[in-house]
Amino acid sequence: MSIATTIADIPTGFLVVIGLLLAAFAVRFRGIVTIAVTGLLIVGTWASGQPRPGECLFFGALVYAILSIVAGIFGGGTREGDDAPAGGYSYADEQARLASEYHRRERESRF
């Protein structure tokens, strides 16, 4: 049983899910993926008898640039910072509203 028949027996839906997961991991770990792709290109060109490390490094940089662009488009920010977009939500206004409500309830509880 060859690898081709093994892959041919795998359901298409499963292969699509695996491909999407690999694409997501490639974007997340783009440095490692770039090093691996560049290394495989160097080994492949070396084994063919025509080593071209300059072209391999260029294609490695191209892979990194493409993965960085994709990460920039779909990455989104997960860290809250001063420059994080709030989408029209004002944290200071919410804090002031909560403080005034807290003090109002505190005053009402005294009576």
C-alpha atoms as a PDB file:
ATOM      1  CA  MET A   1       0.000   0.000   0.000  1.00  0.00           C
ATOM      2  CA  SER A   2       1.578   3.245  -1.127  1.00  0.00           C
ATOM      3  CA  ILE A   3       1.239   6.697   0.365  1.00  0.00           C
ATOM      4  CA  ALA A   4      -0.801   7.785  -2.665  1.00  0.00           C
ATOM      5  CA  THR A   5      -3.488   5.158  -2.056  1.00  0.00           C
ATOM      6  CA  THR A   6      -3.522   5.996   1.644  1.00  0.00           C
ATOM      7  CA  ILE A   7      -4.106   9.679   0.915  1.00  0.00           C
ATOM      8  CA  ALA A   8      -6.706   8.803  -1.738  1.00  0.00           C
ATOM      9  CA  ASP A   9      -8.709   6.873   0.881  1.00  0.00           C
ATOM     10  CA  ILE A  10      -8.961   9.865   3.244  1.00  0.00           C
ATOM     11  CA  PRO A  11     -12.341  11.668   2.994  1.00  0.00           C
ATOM     12  CA  THR A  12     -12.216  15.079   1.312  1.00  0.00           C
ATOM     13  CA  GLY A  13     -13.880  16.876   4.228  1.00  0.00           C
ATOM     14  CA  PHE A  14     -11.203  15.633   6.582  1.00  0.00           C
ATOM     15  CA  LEU A  15      -8.476  16.858   4.218  1.00  0.00           C
ATOM     16  CA  VAL A  16     -10.127  20.284   4.001  1.00  0.00           C
ATOM     17  CA  VAL A  17     -10.226  20.607   7.793  1.00  0.00           C
ATOM     18  CA  ILE A  18      -6.586  19.517   8.047  1.00  0.00           C
ATOM     19  CA  GLY A  19      -5.639  22.039   5.343  1.00  0.00           C
ATOM     20  CA  LEU A  20      -7.417  24.887   7.128  1.00  0.00           C
ATOM     21  CA  LEU A  21      -5.762  24.000  10.428  1.00  0.00           C
ATOM     22  CA  LEU A  22      -2.350  23.883   8.772  1.00  0.00           C
ATOM     23  CA  ALA A  23      -2.994  27.259   7.138  1.00  0.00           C
ATOM     24  CA  ALA A  24      -3.972  28.769  10.502  1.00  0.00           C
ATOM     25  CA  PHE A  25      -0.886  27.323  12.173  1.00  0.00           C
ATOM     26  CA  ALA A  26       1.267  28.559   9.288  1.00  0.00           C
ATOM     27  CA  VAL A  27       0.031  32.100   9.881  1.00  0.00           C
ATOM     28  CA  ARG A  28       0.509  31.813  13.639  1.00  0.00           C
ATOM     29  CA  PHE A  29       3.978  30.234  13.452  1.00  0.00           C
ATOM     30  CA  ARG A  30       5.158  31.976  10.298  1.00  0.00           C
ATOM     31  CA  GLY A  31       8.794  32.188  11.391  1.00  0.00           C
ATOM     32  CA  ILE A  32       9.131  28.444  11.865  1.00  0.00           C
ATOM     33  CA  VAL A  33       7.216  27.773   8.645  1.00  0.00           C
ATOM     34  CA  THR A  34       9.486  30.157   6.735  1.00  0.00           C
ATOM     35  CA  ILE A  35      12.620  28.473   8.057  1.00  0.00           C
ATOM     36  CA  ALA A  36      11.222  25.039   7.180  1.00  0.00           C
ATOM     37  CA  VAL A  37      10.186  26.095   3.659  1.00  0.00           C
ATOM     38  CA  THR A  38      13.551  27.729   3.011  1.00  0.00           C
ATOM     39  CA  GLY A  39      15.376  24.664   4.315  1.00  0.00           C
ATOM     40  CA  LEU A  40      13.322  22.330   2.139  1.00  0.00           C
ATOM     41  CA  LEU A  41      13.962  24.518  -0.893  1.00  0.00           C
ATOM     42  CA  ILE A  42      17.710  24.520  -0.243  1.00  0.00           C
ATOM     43  CA  VAL A  43      17.779  20.736   0.228  1.00  0.00           C
ATOM     44  CA  GLY A  44      15.672  20.228  -2.900  1.00  0.00           C
ATOM     45  CA  THR A  45      17.798  22.425  -5.123  1.00  0.00           C
ATOM     46  CA  TRP A  46      20.981  20.935  -3.685  1.00  0.00           C
ATOM     47  CA  ALA A  47      19.764  17.391  -4.359  1.00  0.00           C
ATOM     48  CA  SER A  48      18.849  18.300  -7.945  1.00  0.00           C
ATOM     49  CA  GLY A  49      22.433  19.300  -8.610  1.00  0.00           C
ATOM     50  CA  GLN A  50      21.668  22.987  -9.065  1.00  0.00           C
ATOM     51  CA  PRO A  51      22.045  24.639  -5.658  1.00  0.00           C
ATOM     52  CA  ARG A  52      20.643  28.165  -5.653  1.00  0.00           C
ATOM     53  CA  PRO A  53      20.570  29.382  -2.066  1.00  0.00           C
ATOM     54  CA  GLY A  54      19.915  32.985  -3.126  1.00  0.00           C
ATOM     55  CA  GLU A  55      16.655  32.063  -4.804  1.00  0.00           C
ATOM     56  CA  CYS A  56      15.690  29.872  -1.849  1.00  0.00           C
ATOM     57  CA  LEU A  57      16.253  32.737   0.580  1.00  0.00           C
ATOM     58  CA  PHE A  58      14.233  35.048  -1.681  1.00  0.00           C
ATOM     59  CA  PHE A  59      11.312  32.609  -1.746  1.00  0.00           C
ATOM     60  CA  GLY A  60      11.596  32.148   2.024  1.00  0.00           C
ATOM     61  CA  ALA A  61      11.334  35.919   2.481  1.00  0.00           C
ATOM     62  CA  LEU A  62       8.389  35.946   0.074  1.00  0.00           C
ATOM     63  CA  VAL A  63       6.616  33.232   2.098  1.00  0.00           C
ATOM     64  CA  TYR A  64       7.215  35.212   5.295  1.00  0.00           C
ATOM     65  CA  ALA A  65       5.884  38.405   3.689  1.00  0.00           C
ATOM     66  CA  ILE A  66       2.733  36.671   2.457  1.00  0.00           C
ATOM     67  CA  LEU A  67       2.086  35.046   5.838  1.00  0.00           C
ATOM     68  CA  SER A  68       2.671  38.393   7.584  1.00  0.00           C
ATOM     69  CA  ILE A  69       0.172  40.117   5.302  1.00  0.00           C
ATOM     70  CA  VAL A  70      -2.404  37.404   5.976  1.00  0.00           C
ATOM     71  CA  ALA A  71      -1.745  37.661   9.720  1.00  0.00           C
ATOM     72  CA  GLY A  72      -2.166  41.435   9.550  1.00  0.00           C
ATOM     73  CA  ILE A  73      -5.474  41.139   7.739  1.00  0.00           C
ATOM     74  CA  PHE A  74      -7.016  38.328   9.777  1.00  0.00           C
ATOM     75  CA  GLY A  75      -4.979  38.484  12.986  1.00  0.00           C
ATOM     76  CA  GLY A  76      -6.902  41.107  14.913  1.00  0.00           C
ATOM     77  CA  GLY A  77      -5.702  42.497  18.193  1.00  0.00           C
ATOM     78  CA  THR A  78      -6.146  40.444  21.314  1.00  0.00           C
ATOM     79  CA  ARG A  79      -4.283  42.710  23.712  1.00  0.00           C
ATOM     80  CA  GLU A  80      -6.011  45.640  25.342  1.00  0.00           C
ATOM     81  CA  GLY A  81      -3.882  48.723  25.178  1.00  0.00           C
ATOM     82  CA  ASP A  82      -4.109  52.445  24.848  1.00  0.00           C
ATOM     83  CA  ASP A  83      -4.117  52.201  21.071  1.00  0.00           C
ATOM     84  CA  ALA A  84      -6.667  49.380  20.883  1.00  0.00           C
ATOM     85  CA  PRO A  85      -9.784  50.425  18.983  1.00  0.00           C
ATOM     86  CA  ALA A  86     -12.826  50.488  21.252  1.00  0.00           C
ATOM     87  CA  GLY A  87     -15.447  50.720  18.507  1.00  0.00           C
ATOM     88  CA  GLY A  88     -17.088  53.815  19.977  1.00  0.00           C
ATOM     89  CA  TYR A  89     -17.084  52.438  23.529  1.00  0.00           C
ATOM     90  CA  SER A  90     -15.702  54.777  26.166  1.00  0.00           C
ATOM     91  CA  TYR A  91     -14.146  53.016  29.124  1.00  0.00           C
ATOM     92  CA  ALA A  92     -13.899  56.271  31.076  1.00  0.00           C
ATOM     93  CA  ASP A  93     -17.616  56.986  30.633  1.00  0.00           C
ATOM     94  CA  GLU A  94     -18.500  53.478  31.759  1.00  0.00           C
ATOM     95  CA  GLN A  95     -16.269  53.822  34.817  1.00  0.00           C
ATOM     96  CA  ALA A  96     -17.912  57.148  35.714  1.00  0.00           C
ATOM     97  CA  ARG A  97     -21.389  55.638  35.296  1.00  0.00           C
ATOM     98  CA  LEU A  98     -20.520  52.691  37.536  1.00  0.00           C
ATOM     99  CA  ALA A  99     -19.005  54.987  40.176  1.00  0.00           C
ATOM    100  CA  SER A 100     -22.066  57.240  40.267  1.00  0.00           C
ATOM    101  CA  GLU A 101     -24.382  54.220  40.474  1.00  0.00           C
ATOM    102  CA  TYR A 102     -22.295  52.767  43.306  1.00  0.00           C
ATOM    103  CA  HIS A 103     -22.479  56.020  45.276  1.00  0.00           C
ATOM    104  CA  ARG A 104     -26.220  56.342  44.631  1.00  0.00           C
ATOM    105  CA  ARG A 105     -26.843  52.847  46.006  1.00  0.00           C
ATOM    106  CA  GLU A 106     -24.613  53.573  48.953  1.00  0.00           C
ATOM    107  CA  ARG A 107     -26.632  56.713  49.790  1.00  0.00           C
ATOM    108  CA  GLU A 108     -29.957  54.869  49.394  1.00  0.00           C
ATOM    109  CA  SER A 109     -28.863  52.077  51.703  1.00  0.00           C
ATOM    110  CA  ARG A 110     -28.322  54.533  54.563  1.00  0.00           C
ATOM    111  CA  PHE A 111     -32.033  55.323  54.866  1.00  0.00           C
END
